[in-house]
Amino acid sequence: MKPNRNRQEWENELKERQKNIQWHDTFRNGQLLDEFFFLDLTPVTLFQRIVAVLIALLFLCVPGYVALNLFWAAKAGPIDFRITFFMICLGMLFTAFGAKVLKSAFRRSKSNTQDRNCRL
């Protein structure tokens, strides 16, 4: 009887913890992340910039992997042009997104630049 009671207490505690998660908080955090990646409107911490660099490197490694696969497939025999064209377009899309994220990771925030100019 005791294991059932502990499990029910655990389930009740878990349900209570989940009540504290509010959808608008996660929505706002997602919006701030999008603003950082694409618009550079929000100030971010050093940790967030490091994570942005890692995400960008992940997106920049995918086209290299695609190119290697296309090279090995071409050695094995002829490849359909449509597949090659699709993979090249996909690689270019990943490269563009990775470059954009990498650029915003190293870009200074406009608000920090204005504050620094006011102090001088």
PDB file of N, CA and C in Angstrom:
ATOM      1  N   MET A   1       0.822  -1.204   0.000  1.00  0.00           N
ATOM      2  CA  MET A   1       0.000   0.000   0.000  1.00  0.00           C
ATOM      3  C   MET A   1       0.863   1.265   0.000  1.00  0.00           C
ATOM      4  N   LYS A   2       2.011   1.202   0.619  1.00  0.00           N
ATOM      5  CA  LYS A   2       2.844   2.380   0.715  1.00  0.00           C
ATOM      6  C   LYS A   2       3.385   2.854  -0.649  1.00  0.00           C
ATOM      7  N   PRO A   3       3.831   1.933  -1.557  1.00  0.00           N
ATOM      8  CA  PRO A   3       4.310   2.423  -2.861  1.00  0.00           C
ATOM      9  C   PRO A   3       3.229   3.164  -3.649  1.00  0.00           C
ATOM     10  N   ASN A   4       1.973   2.745  -3.578  1.00  0.00           N
ATOM     11  CA  ASN A   4       0.896   3.445  -4.285  1.00  0.00           C
ATOM     12  C   ASN A   4       0.706   4.853  -3.744  1.00  0.00           C
ATOM     13  N   ARG A   5       0.787   4.984  -2.441  1.00  0.00           N
ATOM     14  CA  ARG A   5       0.602   6.300  -1.823  1.00  0.00           C
ATOM     15  C   ARG A   5       1.744   7.235  -2.247  1.00  0.00           C
ATOM     16  N   ASN A   6       2.963   6.731  -2.288  1.00  0.00           N
ATOM     17  CA  ASN A   6       4.091   7.564  -2.716  1.00  0.00           C
ATOM     18  C   ASN A   6       3.949   7.968  -4.177  1.00  0.00           C
ATOM     19  N   ARG A   7       3.462   7.049  -4.997  1.00  0.00           N
ATOM     20  CA  ARG A   7       3.289   7.362  -6.411  1.00  0.00           C
ATOM     21  C   ARG A   7       2.204   8.431  -6.590  1.00  0.00           C
ATOM     22  N   GLN A   8       1.112   8.320  -5.842  1.00  0.00           N
ATOM     23  CA  GLN A   8       0.060   9.324  -5.957  1.00  0.00           C
ATOM     24  C   GLN A   8       0.543  10.682  -5.456  1.00  0.00           C
ATOM     25  N   GLU A   9       1.319  10.695  -4.398  1.00  0.00           N
ATOM     26  CA  GLU A   9       1.878  11.961  -3.911  1.00  0.00           C
ATOM     27  C   GLU A   9       2.795  12.568  -4.963  1.00  0.00           C
ATOM     28  N   TRP A  10       3.591  11.712  -5.596  1.00  0.00           N
ATOM     29  CA  TRP A  10       4.501  12.176  -6.631  1.00  0.00           C
ATOM     30  C   TRP A  10       3.731  12.756  -7.822  1.00  0.00           C
ATOM     31  N   GLU A  11       2.671  12.063  -8.237  1.00  0.00           N
ATOM     32  CA  GLU A  11       1.853  12.544  -9.358  1.00  0.00           C
ATOM     33  C   GLU A  11       1.168  13.868  -9.014  1.00  0.00           C
ATOM     34  N   ASN A  12       0.665  13.978  -7.797  1.00  0.00           N
ATOM     35  CA  ASN A  12       0.029  15.231  -7.377  1.00  0.00           C
ATOM     36  C   ASN A  12       1.038  16.382  -7.346  1.00  0.00           C
ATOM     37  N   GLU A  13       2.237  16.095  -6.841  1.00  0.00           N
ATOM     38  CA  GLU A  13       3.275  17.118  -6.801  1.00  0.00           C
ATOM     39  C   GLU A  13       3.677  17.540  -8.216  1.00  0.00           C
ATOM     40  N   LEU A  14       3.750  16.581  -9.119  1.00  0.00           N
ATOM     41  CA  LEU A  14       4.088  16.875 -10.505  1.00  0.00           C
ATOM     42  C   LEU A  14       3.016  17.743 -11.166  1.00  0.00           C
ATOM     43  N   LYS A  15       1.759  17.433 -10.919  1.00  0.00           N
ATOM     44  CA  LYS A  15       0.664  18.234 -11.466  1.00  0.00           C
ATOM     45  C   LYS A  15       0.700  19.654 -10.924  1.00  0.00           C
ATOM     46  N   GLU A  16       1.031  19.807  -9.647  1.00  0.00           N
ATOM     47  CA  GLU A  16       1.106  21.142  -9.049  1.00  0.00           C
ATOM     48  C   GLU A  16       2.242  21.957  -9.664  1.00  0.00           C
ATOM     49  N   ARG A  17       3.369  21.295  -9.928  1.00  0.00           N
ATOM     50  CA  ARG A  17       4.493  21.995 -10.543  1.00  0.00           C
ATOM     51  C   ARG A  17       4.165  22.436 -11.961  1.00  0.00           C
ATOM     52  N   GLN A  18       3.410  21.621 -12.677  1.00  0.00           N
ATOM     53  CA  GLN A  18       3.072  21.953 -14.051  1.00  0.00           C
ATOM     54  C   GLN A  18       2.074  23.100 -14.135  1.00  0.00           C
ATOM     55  N   LYS A  19       1.351  23.366 -13.084  1.00  0.00           N
ATOM     56  CA  LYS A  19       0.411  24.494 -13.089  1.00  0.00           C
ATOM     57  C   LYS A  19       1.151  25.823 -13.126  1.00  0.00           C
ATOM     58  N   ASN A  20       2.432  25.842 -12.696  1.00  0.00           N
ATOM     59  CA  ASN A  20       3.197  27.084 -12.655  1.00  0.00           C
ATOM     60  C   ASN A  20       3.710  27.508 -14.029  1.00  0.00           C
ATOM     61  N   ILE A  21       3.695  26.623 -15.001  1.00  0.00           N
ATOM     62  CA  ILE A  21       4.170  26.960 -16.337  1.00  0.00           C
ATOM     63  C   ILE A  21       3.059  27.705 -17.063  1.00  0.00           C
ATOM     64  N   GLN A  22       3.382  28.885 -17.513  1.00  0.00           N
ATOM     65  CA  GLN A  22       2.382  29.707 -18.196  1.00  0.00           C
ATOM     66  C   GLN A  22       2.792  29.866 -19.654  1.00  0.00           C
ATOM     67  N   TRP A  23       1.861  29.696 -20.540  1.00  0.00           N
ATOM     68  CA  TRP A  23       2.171  29.687 -21.966  1.00  0.00           C
ATOM     69  C   TRP A  23       2.705  31.022 -22.455  1.00  0.00           C
ATOM     70  N   HIS A  24       2.247  32.122 -21.879  1.00  0.00           N
ATOM     71  CA  HIS A  24       2.703  33.420 -22.380  1.00  0.00           C
ATOM     72  C   HIS A  24       4.157  33.683 -22.027  1.00  0.00           C
ATOM     73  N   ASP A  25       4.686  33.074 -20.958  1.00  0.00           N
ATOM     74  CA  ASP A  25       6.106  33.210 -20.644  1.00  0.00           C
ATOM     75  C   ASP A  25       6.960  32.538 -21.709  1.00  0.00           C
ATOM     76  N   THR A  26       6.589  31.331 -22.090  1.00  0.00           N
ATOM     77  CA  THR A  26       7.365  30.630 -23.110  1.00  0.00           C
ATOM     78  C   THR A  26       7.204  31.310 -24.460  1.00  0.00           C
ATOM     79  N   PHE A  27       6.042  31.849 -24.743  1.00  0.00           N
ATOM     80  CA  PHE A  27       5.827  32.575 -25.995  1.00  0.00           C
ATOM     81  C   PHE A  27       6.710  33.812 -26.046  1.00  0.00           C
ATOM     82  N   ARG A  28       6.793  34.539 -24.961  1.00  0.00           N
ATOM     83  CA  ARG A  28       7.624  35.753 -24.907  1.00  0.00           C
ATOM     84  C   ARG A  28       9.103  35.391 -25.049  1.00  0.00           C
ATOM     85  N   ASN A  29       9.544  34.313 -24.404  1.00  0.00           N
ATOM     86  CA  ASN A  29      10.943  33.907 -24.519  1.00  0.00           C
ATOM     87  C   ASN A  29      11.285  33.524 -25.952  1.00  0.00           C
ATOM     88  N   GLY A  30      10.375  32.863 -26.630  1.00  0.00           N
ATOM     89  CA  GLY A  30      10.591  32.524 -28.031  1.00  0.00           C
ATOM     90  C   GLY A  30      10.678  33.764 -28.893  1.00  0.00           C
ATOM     91  N   GLN A  31       9.853  34.753 -28.592  1.00  0.00           N
ATOM     92  CA  GLN A  31       9.869  36.004 -29.342  1.00  0.00           C
ATOM     93  C   GLN A  31      11.196  36.739 -29.119  1.00  0.00           C
ATOM     94  N   LEU A  32      11.713  36.731 -27.892  1.00  0.00           N
ATOM     95  CA  LEU A  32      12.987  37.379 -27.614  1.00  0.00           C
ATOM     96  C   LEU A  32      14.127  36.695 -28.360  1.00  0.00           C
ATOM     97  N   LEU A  33      14.069  35.379 -28.453  1.00  0.00           N
ATOM     98  CA  LEU A  33      15.096  34.641 -29.176  1.00  0.00           C
ATOM     99  C   LEU A  33      15.054  34.974 -30.666  1.00  0.00           C
ATOM    100  N   ASP A  34      13.861  35.056 -31.232  1.00  0.00           N
ATOM    101  CA  ASP A  34      13.726  35.431 -32.644  1.00  0.00           C
ATOM    102  C   ASP A  34      14.244  36.846 -32.885  1.00  0.00           C
ATOM    103  N   GLU A  35      13.959  37.757 -31.968  1.00  0.00           N
ATOM    104  CA  GLU A  35      14.447  39.129 -32.111  1.00  0.00           C
ATOM    105  C   GLU A  35      15.969  39.170 -32.041  1.00  0.00           C
ATOM    106  N   PHE A  36      16.560  38.328 -31.218  1.00  0.00           N
ATOM    107  CA  PHE A  36      18.013  38.290 -31.126  1.00  0.00           C
ATOM    108  C   PHE A  36      18.624  37.726 -32.404  1.00  0.00           C
ATOM    109  N   PHE A  37      18.069  36.648 -32.918  1.00  0.00           N
ATOM    110  CA  PHE A  37      18.633  36.013 -34.113  1.00  0.00           C
ATOM    111  C   PHE A  37      18.473  36.871 -35.360  1.00  0.00           C
ATOM    112  N   PHE A  38      17.330  37.521 -35.528  1.00  0.00           N
ATOM    113  CA  PHE A  38      17.035  38.163 -36.800  1.00  0.00           C
ATOM    114  C   PHE A  38      17.047  39.687 -36.768  1.00  0.00           C
ATOM    115  N   LEU A  39      16.730  40.305 -35.640  1.00  0.00           N
ATOM    116  CA  LEU A  39      16.613  41.759 -35.609  1.00  0.00           C
ATOM    117  C   LEU A  39      17.648  42.440 -34.727  1.00  0.00           C
ATOM    118  N   ASP A  40      18.254  41.718 -33.801  1.00  0.00           N
ATOM    119  CA  ASP A  40      19.225  42.267 -32.853  1.00  0.00           C
ATOM    120  C   ASP A  40      18.629  43.414 -32.044  1.00  0.00           C
ATOM    121  N   LEU A  41      17.426  43.201 -31.534  1.00  0.00           N
ATOM    122  CA  LEU A  41      16.773  44.234 -30.741  1.00  0.00           C
ATOM    123  C   LEU A  41      16.912  44.007 -29.243  1.00  0.00           C
ATOM    124  N   THR A  42      17.215  42.778 -28.840  1.00  0.00           N
ATOM    125  CA  THR A  42      17.245  42.478 -27.416  1.00  0.00           C
ATOM    126  C   THR A  42      18.681  42.285 -26.939  1.00  0.00           C
ATOM    127  N   PRO A  43      19.012  42.820 -25.785  1.00  0.00           N
ATOM    128  CA  PRO A  43      20.337  42.548 -25.223  1.00  0.00           C
ATOM    129  C   PRO A  43      20.399  41.105 -24.707  1.00  0.00           C
ATOM    130  N   VAL A  44      21.516  40.453 -24.933  1.00  0.00           N
ATOM    131  CA  VAL A  44      21.660  39.053 -24.529  1.00  0.00           C
ATOM    132  C   VAL A  44      22.909  38.889 -23.689  1.00  0.00           C
ATOM    133  N   THR A  45      22.945  37.789 -22.958  1.00  0.00           N
ATOM    134  CA  THR A  45      24.086  37.502 -22.098  1.00  0.00           C
ATOM    135  C   THR A  45      25.176  36.797 -22.892  1.00  0.00           C
ATOM    136  N   LEU A  46      26.327  36.661 -22.275  1.00  0.00           N
ATOM    137  CA  LEU A  46      27.448  35.972 -22.910  1.00  0.00           C
ATOM    138  C   LEU A  46      27.104  34.513 -23.181  1.00  0.00           C
ATOM    139  N   PHE A  47      26.423  33.884 -22.253  1.00  0.00           N
ATOM    140  CA  PHE A  47      26.038  32.480 -22.430  1.00  0.00           C
ATOM    141  C   PHE A  47      25.129  32.304 -23.642  1.00  0.00           C
ATOM    142  N   GLN A  48      24.177  33.223 -23.818  1.00  0.00           N
ATOM    143  CA  GLN A  48      23.281  33.139 -24.969  1.00  0.00           C
ATOM    144  C   GLN A  48      24.038  33.340 -26.268  1.00  0.00           C
ATOM    145  N   ARG A  49      25.050  34.185 -26.251  1.00  0.00           N
ATOM    146  CA  ARG A  49      25.872  34.377 -27.449  1.00  0.00           C
ATOM    147  C   ARG A  49      26.686  33.119 -27.761  1.00  0.00           C
ATOM    148  N   ILE A  50      27.214  32.469 -26.737  1.00  0.00           N
ATOM    149  CA  ILE A  50      27.970  31.230 -26.944  1.00  0.00           C
ATOM    150  C   ILE A  50      27.073  30.153 -27.524  1.00  0.00           C
ATOM    151  N   VAL A  51      25.868  30.033 -27.013  1.00  0.00           N
ATOM    152  CA  VAL A  51      24.925  29.046 -27.542  1.00  0.00           C
ATOM    153  C   VAL A  51      24.552  29.390 -28.987  1.00  0.00           C
ATOM    154  N   ALA A  52      24.418  30.661 -29.295  1.00  0.00           N
ATOM    155  CA  ALA A  52      24.118  31.064 -30.671  1.00  0.00           C
ATOM    156  C   ALA A  52      25.250  30.669 -31.613  1.00  0.00           C
ATOM    157  N   VAL A  53      26.500  30.796 -31.164  1.00  0.00           N
ATOM    158  CA  VAL A  53      27.638  30.372 -31.991  1.00  0.00           C
ATOM    159  C   VAL A  53      27.590  28.866 -32.222  1.00  0.00           C
ATOM    160  N   LEU A  54      27.280  28.101 -31.189  1.00  0.00           N
ATOM    161  CA  LEU A  54      27.193  26.648 -31.348  1.00  0.00           C
ATOM    162  C   LEU A  54      26.066  26.248 -32.303  1.00  0.00           C
ATOM    163  N   ILE A  55      24.932  26.916 -32.207  1.00  0.00           N
ATOM    164  CA  ILE A  55      23.822  26.632 -33.124  1.00  0.00           C
ATOM    165  C   ILE A  55      24.230  26.984 -34.554  1.00  0.00           C
ATOM    166  N   ALA A  56      24.910  28.117 -34.730  1.00  0.00           N
ATOM    167  CA  ALA A  56      25.341  28.525 -36.064  1.00  0.00           C
ATOM    168  C   ALA A  56      26.332  27.523 -36.647  1.00  0.00           C
ATOM    169  N   LEU A  57      27.269  27.047 -35.818  1.00  0.00           N
ATOM    170  CA  LEU A  57      28.225  26.059 -36.315  1.00  0.00           C
ATOM    171  C   LEU A  57      27.536  24.766 -36.709  1.00  0.00           C
ATOM    172  N   LEU A  58      26.498  24.400 -35.980  1.00  0.00           N
ATOM    173  CA  LEU A  58      25.735  23.208 -36.340  1.00  0.00           C
ATOM    174  C   LEU A  58      25.096  23.383 -37.714  1.00  0.00           C
ATOM    175  N   PHE A  59      24.494  24.541 -37.950  1.00  0.00           N
ATOM    176  CA  PHE A  59      23.856  24.792 -39.240  1.00  0.00           C
ATOM    177  C   PHE A  59      24.885  24.954 -40.364  1.00  0.00           C
ATOM    178  N   LEU A  60      26.100  25.396 -40.048  1.00  0.00           N
ATOM    179  CA  LEU A  60      27.127  25.532 -41.068  1.00  0.00           C
ATOM    180  C   LEU A  60      27.805  24.198 -41.389  1.00  0.00           C
ATOM    181  N   CYS A  61      27.732  23.228 -40.499  1.00  0.00           N
ATOM    182  CA  CYS A  61      28.323  21.908 -40.754  1.00  0.00           C
ATOM    183  C   CYS A  61      27.440  21.048 -41.653  1.00  0.00           C
ATOM    184  N   VAL A  62      26.156  21.276 -41.671  1.00  0.00           N
ATOM    185  CA  VAL A  62      25.236  20.463 -42.467  1.00  0.00           C
ATOM    186  C   VAL A  62      25.552  20.540 -43.963  1.00  0.00           C
ATOM    187  N   PRO A  63      25.804  21.722 -44.542  1.00  0.00           N
ATOM    188  CA  PRO A  63      26.128  21.745 -45.976  1.00  0.00           C
ATOM    189  C   PRO A  63      27.409  20.984 -46.315  1.00  0.00           C
ATOM    190  N   GLY A  64      28.386  20.998 -45.422  1.00  0.00           N
ATOM    191  CA  GLY A  64      29.597  20.215 -45.648  1.00  0.00           C
ATOM    192  C   GLY A  64      29.302  18.730 -45.688  1.00  0.00           C
ATOM    193  N   TYR A  65      28.451  18.292 -44.808  1.00  0.00           N
ATOM    194  CA  TYR A  65      28.043  16.894 -44.785  1.00  0.00           C
ATOM    195  C   TYR A  65      27.285  16.532 -46.061  1.00  0.00           C
ATOM    196  N   VAL A  66      26.424  17.417 -46.507  1.00  0.00           N
ATOM    197  CA  VAL A  66      25.673  17.196 -47.745  1.00  0.00           C
ATOM    198  C   VAL A  66      26.626  17.116 -48.930  1.00  0.00           C
ATOM    199  N   ALA A  67      27.610  18.009 -48.977  1.00  0.00           N
ATOM    200  CA  ALA A  67      28.570  18.004 -50.079  1.00  0.00           C
ATOM    201  C   ALA A  67      29.375  16.706 -50.099  1.00  0.00           C
ATOM    202  N   LEU A  68      29.784  16.241 -48.924  1.00  0.00           N
ATOM    203  CA  LEU A  68      30.514  14.972 -48.864  1.00  0.00           C
ATOM    204  C   LEU A  68      29.650  13.817 -49.356  1.00  0.00           C
ATOM    205  N   ASN A  69      28.405  13.788 -48.953  1.00  0.00           N
ATOM    206  CA  ASN A  69      27.510  12.725 -49.406  1.00  0.00           C
ATOM    207  C   ASN A  69      27.288  12.776 -50.916  1.00  0.00           C
ATOM    208  N   LEU A  70      27.137  13.973 -51.467  1.00  0.00           N
ATOM    209  CA  LEU A  70      26.980  14.090 -52.916  1.00  0.00           C
ATOM    210  C   LEU A  70      28.242  13.639 -53.652  1.00  0.00           C
ATOM    211  N   PHE A  71      29.397  13.963 -53.095  1.00  0.00           N
ATOM    212  CA  PHE A  71      30.664  13.553 -53.699  1.00  0.00           C
ATOM    213  C   PHE A  71      30.800  12.029 -53.703  1.00  0.00           C
ATOM    214  N   TRP A  72      30.496  11.402 -52.552  1.00  0.00           N
ATOM    215  CA  TRP A  72      30.596   9.942 -52.483  1.00  0.00           C
ATOM    216  C   TRP A  72      29.562   9.264 -53.376  1.00  0.00           C
ATOM    217  N   ALA A  73      28.377   9.844 -53.459  1.00  0.00           N
ATOM    218  CA  ALA A  73      27.344   9.270 -54.316  1.00  0.00           C
ATOM    219  C   ALA A  73      27.722   9.406 -55.783  1.00  0.00           C
ATOM    220  N   ALA A  74      28.387  10.502 -56.150  1.00  0.00           N
ATOM    221  CA  ALA A  74      28.810  10.697 -57.539  1.00  0.00           C
ATOM    222  C   ALA A  74      29.898   9.707 -57.921  1.00  0.00           C
ATOM    223  N   LYS A  75      30.724   9.340 -56.960  1.00  0.00           N
ATOM    224  CA  LYS A  75      31.755   8.341 -57.235  1.00  0.00           C
ATOM    225  C   LYS A  75      31.134   6.973 -57.495  1.00  0.00           C
ATOM    226  N   ALA A  76      30.018   6.694 -56.828  1.00  0.00           N
ATOM    227  CA  ALA A  76      29.375   5.383 -56.951  1.00  0.00           C
ATOM    228  C   ALA A  76      28.629   5.244 -58.271  1.00  0.00           C
ATOM    229  N   GLY A  77      28.152   6.314 -58.811  1.00  0.00           N
ATOM    230  CA  GLY A  77      27.404   6.241 -60.062  1.00  0.00           C
ATOM    231  C   GLY A  77      26.686   7.540 -60.329  1.00  0.00           C
ATOM    232  N   PRO A  78      25.928   7.616 -61.408  1.00  0.00           N
ATOM    233  CA  PRO A  78      25.223   8.866 -61.734  1.00  0.00           C
ATOM    234  C   PRO A  78      24.125   9.183 -60.714  1.00  0.00           C
ATOM    235  N   ILE A  79      23.940  10.489 -60.490  1.00  0.00           N
ATOM    236  CA  ILE A  79      22.936  10.966 -59.533  1.00  0.00           C
ATOM    237  C   ILE A  79      21.863  11.715 -60.322  1.00  0.00           C
ATOM    238  N   ASP A  80      20.652  11.578 -59.889  1.00  0.00           N
ATOM    239  CA  ASP A  80      19.553  12.317 -60.509  1.00  0.00           C
ATOM    240  C   ASP A  80      19.742  13.820 -60.252  1.00  0.00           C
ATOM    241  N   PHE A  81      19.555  14.624 -61.278  1.00  0.00           N
ATOM    242  CA  PHE A  81      19.763  16.067 -61.169  1.00  0.00           C
ATOM    243  C   PHE A  81      18.833  16.703 -60.141  1.00  0.00           C
ATOM    244  N   ARG A  82      17.599  16.222 -60.057  1.00  0.00           N
ATOM    245  CA  ARG A  82      16.637  16.823 -59.116  1.00  0.00           C
ATOM    246  C   ARG A  82      17.093  16.652 -57.672  1.00  0.00           C
ATOM    247  N   ILE A  83      17.642  15.484 -57.364  1.00  0.00           N
ATOM    248  CA  ILE A  83      18.126  15.245 -55.995  1.00  0.00           C
ATOM    249  C   ILE A  83      19.310  16.165 -55.702  1.00  0.00           C
ATOM    250  N   THR A  84      20.233  16.272 -56.660  1.00  0.00           N
ATOM    251  CA  THR A  84      21.400  17.133 -56.475  1.00  0.00           C
ATOM    252  C   THR A  84      20.974  18.587 -56.300  1.00  0.00           C
ATOM    253  N   PHE A  85      20.063  19.055 -57.131  1.00  0.00           N
ATOM    254  CA  PHE A  85      19.591  20.433 -57.043  1.00  0.00           C
ATOM    255  C   PHE A  85      18.909  20.695 -55.701  1.00  0.00           C
ATOM    256  N   PHE A  86      18.077  19.755 -55.250  1.00  0.00           N
ATOM    257  CA  PHE A  86      17.393  19.909 -53.968  1.00  0.00           C
ATOM    258  C   PHE A  86      18.401  19.956 -52.824  1.00  0.00           C
ATOM    259  N   MET A  87      19.399  19.091 -52.846  1.00  0.00           N
ATOM    260  CA  MET A  87      20.387  19.061 -51.766  1.00  0.00           C
ATOM    261  C   MET A  87      21.233  20.338 -51.752  1.00  0.00           C
ATOM    262  N   ILE A  88      21.565  20.854 -52.932  1.00  0.00           N
ATOM    263  CA  ILE A  88      22.345  22.091 -52.983  1.00  0.00           C
ATOM    264  C   ILE A  88      21.514  23.261 -52.450  1.00  0.00           C
ATOM    265  N   CYS A  89      20.246  23.325 -52.826  1.00  0.00           N
ATOM    266  CA  CYS A  89      19.367  24.391 -52.306  1.00  0.00           C
ATOM    267  C   CYS A  89      19.200  24.290 -50.800  1.00  0.00           C
ATOM    268  N   LEU A  90      19.047  23.080 -50.302  1.00  0.00           N
ATOM    269  CA  LEU A  90      18.929  22.872 -48.859  1.00  0.00           C
ATOM    270  C   LEU A  90      20.212  23.286 -48.144  1.00  0.00           C
ATOM    271  N   GLY A  91      21.356  22.952 -48.723  1.00  0.00           N
ATOM    272  CA  GLY A  91      22.636  23.354 -48.138  1.00  0.00           C
ATOM    273  C   GLY A  91      22.808  24.859 -48.112  1.00  0.00           C
ATOM    274  N   MET A  92      22.365  25.525 -49.189  1.00  0.00           N
ATOM    275  CA  MET A  92      22.459  26.987 -49.225  1.00  0.00           C
ATOM    276  C   MET A  92      21.547  27.624 -48.189  1.00  0.00           C
ATOM    277  N   LEU A  93      20.378  27.050 -47.975  1.00  0.00           N
ATOM    278  CA  LEU A  93      19.454  27.556 -46.962  1.00  0.00           C
ATOM    279  C   LEU A  93      20.051  27.420 -45.566  1.00  0.00           C
ATOM    280  N   PHE A  94      20.640  26.265 -45.286  1.00  0.00           N
ATOM    281  CA  PHE A  94      21.277  26.051 -43.976  1.00  0.00           C
ATOM    282  C   PHE A  94      22.460  26.999 -43.799  1.00  0.00           C
ATOM    283  N   THR A  95      23.238  27.216 -44.860  1.00  0.00           N
ATOM    284  CA  THR A  95      24.379  28.125 -44.774  1.00  0.00           C
ATOM    285  C   THR A  95      23.919  29.549 -44.490  1.00  0.00           C
ATOM    286  N   ALA A  96      22.865  29.983 -45.160  1.00  0.00           N
ATOM    287  CA  ALA A  96      22.362  31.347 -44.942  1.00  0.00           C
ATOM    288  C   ALA A  96      21.867  31.529 -43.511  1.00  0.00           C
ATOM    289  N   PHE A  97      21.124  30.547 -43.004  1.00  0.00           N
ATOM    290  CA  PHE A  97      20.626  30.672 -41.630  1.00  0.00           C
ATOM    291  C   PHE A  97      21.781  30.628 -40.630  1.00  0.00           C
ATOM    292  N   GLY A  98      22.743  29.734 -40.832  1.00  0.00           N
ATOM    293  CA  GLY A  98      23.892  29.657 -39.931  1.00  0.00           C
ATOM    294  C   GLY A  98      24.708  30.933 -39.938  1.00  0.00           C
ATOM    295  N   ALA A  99      24.883  31.531 -41.119  1.00  0.00           N
ATOM    296  CA  ALA A  99      25.628  32.790 -41.211  1.00  0.00           C
ATOM    297  C   ALA A  99      24.885  33.920 -40.506  1.00  0.00           C
ATOM    298  N   LYS A 100      23.565  33.949 -40.644  1.00  0.00           N
ATOM    299  CA  LYS A 100      22.771  34.991 -39.992  1.00  0.00           C
ATOM    300  C   LYS A 100      22.855  34.877 -38.473  1.00  0.00           C
ATOM    301  N   VAL A 101      22.766  33.661 -37.961  1.00  0.00           N
ATOM    302  CA  VAL A 101      22.850  33.461 -36.509  1.00  0.00           C
ATOM    303  C   VAL A 101      24.256  33.791 -36.012  1.00  0.00           C
ATOM    304  N   LEU A 102      25.270  33.384 -36.773  1.00  0.00           N
ATOM    305  CA  LEU A 102      26.644  33.681 -36.380  1.00  0.00           C
ATOM    306  C   LEU A 102      26.907  35.189 -36.394  1.00  0.00           C
ATOM    307  N   LYS A 103      26.354  35.873 -37.367  1.00  0.00           N
ATOM    308  CA  LYS A 103      26.512  37.325 -37.444  1.00  0.00           C
ATOM    309  C   LYS A 103      25.853  38.010 -36.244  1.00  0.00           C
ATOM    310  N   SER A 104      24.667  37.557 -35.868  1.00  0.00           N
ATOM    311  CA  SER A 104      23.997  38.195 -34.732  1.00  0.00           C
ATOM    312  C   SER A 104      24.647  37.801 -33.407  1.00  0.00           C
ATOM    313  N   ALA A 105      25.391  36.691 -33.363  1.00  0.00           N
ATOM    314  CA  ALA A 105      26.078  36.323 -32.125  1.00  0.00           C
ATOM    315  C   ALA A 105      27.256  37.249 -31.856  1.00  0.00           C
ATOM    316  N   PHE A 106      27.893  37.740 -32.916  1.00  0.00           N
ATOM    317  CA  PHE A 106      29.054  38.604 -32.741  1.00  0.00           C
ATOM    318  C   PHE A 106      28.744  40.082 -32.897  1.00  0.00           C
ATOM    319  N   ARG A 107      27.513  40.407 -33.241  1.00  0.00           N
ATOM    320  CA  ARG A 107      27.126  41.796 -33.435  1.00  0.00           C
ATOM    321  C   ARG A 107      26.814  42.436 -32.084  1.00  0.00           C
ATOM    322  N   ARG A 108      27.200  43.672 -31.939  1.00  0.00           N
ATOM    323  CA  ARG A 108      26.881  44.394 -30.710  1.00  0.00           C
ATOM    324  C   ARG A 108      25.463  44.905 -30.774  1.00  0.00           C
ATOM    325  N   SER A 109      24.831  44.951 -29.619  1.00  0.00           N
ATOM    326  CA  SER A 109      23.462  45.441 -29.558  1.00  0.00           C
ATOM    327  C   SER A 109      23.436  46.939 -29.806  1.00  0.00           C
ATOM    328  N   LYS A 110      22.406  47.405 -30.489  1.00  0.00           N
ATOM    329  CA  LYS A 110      22.283  48.834 -30.788  1.00  0.00           C
ATOM    330  C   LYS A 110      22.110  49.654 -29.510  1.00  0.00           C
ATOM    331  N   SER A 111      21.423  49.079 -28.532  1.00  0.00           N
ATOM    332  CA  SER A 111      21.214  49.811 -27.285  1.00  0.00           C
ATOM    333  C   SER A 111      22.526  49.971 -26.527  1.00  0.00           C
ATOM    334  N   ASN A 112      23.397  48.959 -26.566  1.00  0.00           N
ATOM    335  CA  ASN A 112      24.692  49.079 -25.896  1.00  0.00           C
ATOM    336  C   ASN A 112      25.560  50.124 -26.577  1.00  0.00           C
ATOM    337  N   THR A 113      25.511  50.208 -27.891  1.00  0.00           N
ATOM    338  CA  THR A 113      26.299  51.194 -28.619  1.00  0.00           C
ATOM    339  C   THR A 113      25.835  52.601 -28.289  1.00  0.00           C
ATOM    340  N   GLN A 114      24.528  52.817 -28.210  1.00  0.00           N
ATOM    341  CA  GLN A 114      24.008  54.138 -27.877  1.00  0.00           C
ATOM    342  C   GLN A 114      24.398  54.529 -26.462  1.00  0.00           C
ATOM    343  N   ASP A 115      24.327  53.586 -25.528  1.00  0.00           N
ATOM    344  CA  ASP A 115      24.707  53.885 -24.153  1.00  0.00           C
ATOM    345  C   ASP A 115      26.183  54.229 -24.080  1.00  0.00           C
ATOM    346  N   ARG A 116      27.000  53.528 -24.816  1.00  0.00           N
ATOM    347  CA  ARG A 116      28.436  53.766 -24.790  1.00  0.00           C
ATOM    348  C   ARG A 116      28.743  55.136 -25.397  1.00  0.00           C
ATOM    349  N   ASN A 117      28.017  55.525 -26.440  1.00  0.00           N
ATOM    350  CA  ASN A 117      28.240  56.839 -27.035  1.00  0.00           C
ATOM    351  C   ASN A 117      27.807  57.960 -26.093  1.00  0.00           C
ATOM    352  N   CYS A 118      26.783  57.733 -25.308  1.00  0.00           N
ATOM    353  CA  CYS A 118      26.321  58.761 -24.373  1.00  0.00           C
ATOM    354  C   CYS A 118      27.318  58.971 -23.233  1.00  0.00           C
ATOM    355  N   ARG A 119      28.023  57.954 -22.849  1.00  0.00           N
ATOM    356  CA  ARG A 119      28.968  58.067 -21.731  1.00  0.00           C
ATOM    357  C   ARG A 119      30.226  58.818 -22.151  1.00  0.00           C
ATOM    358  N   LEU A 120      30.570  58.785 -23.444  1.00  0.00           N
ATOM    359  CA  LEU A 120      31.806  59.426 -23.894  1.00  0.00           C
ATOM    360  C   LEU A 120      31.740  60.887 -23.857  1.00  0.00           C
TER     361      LEU A 120
END
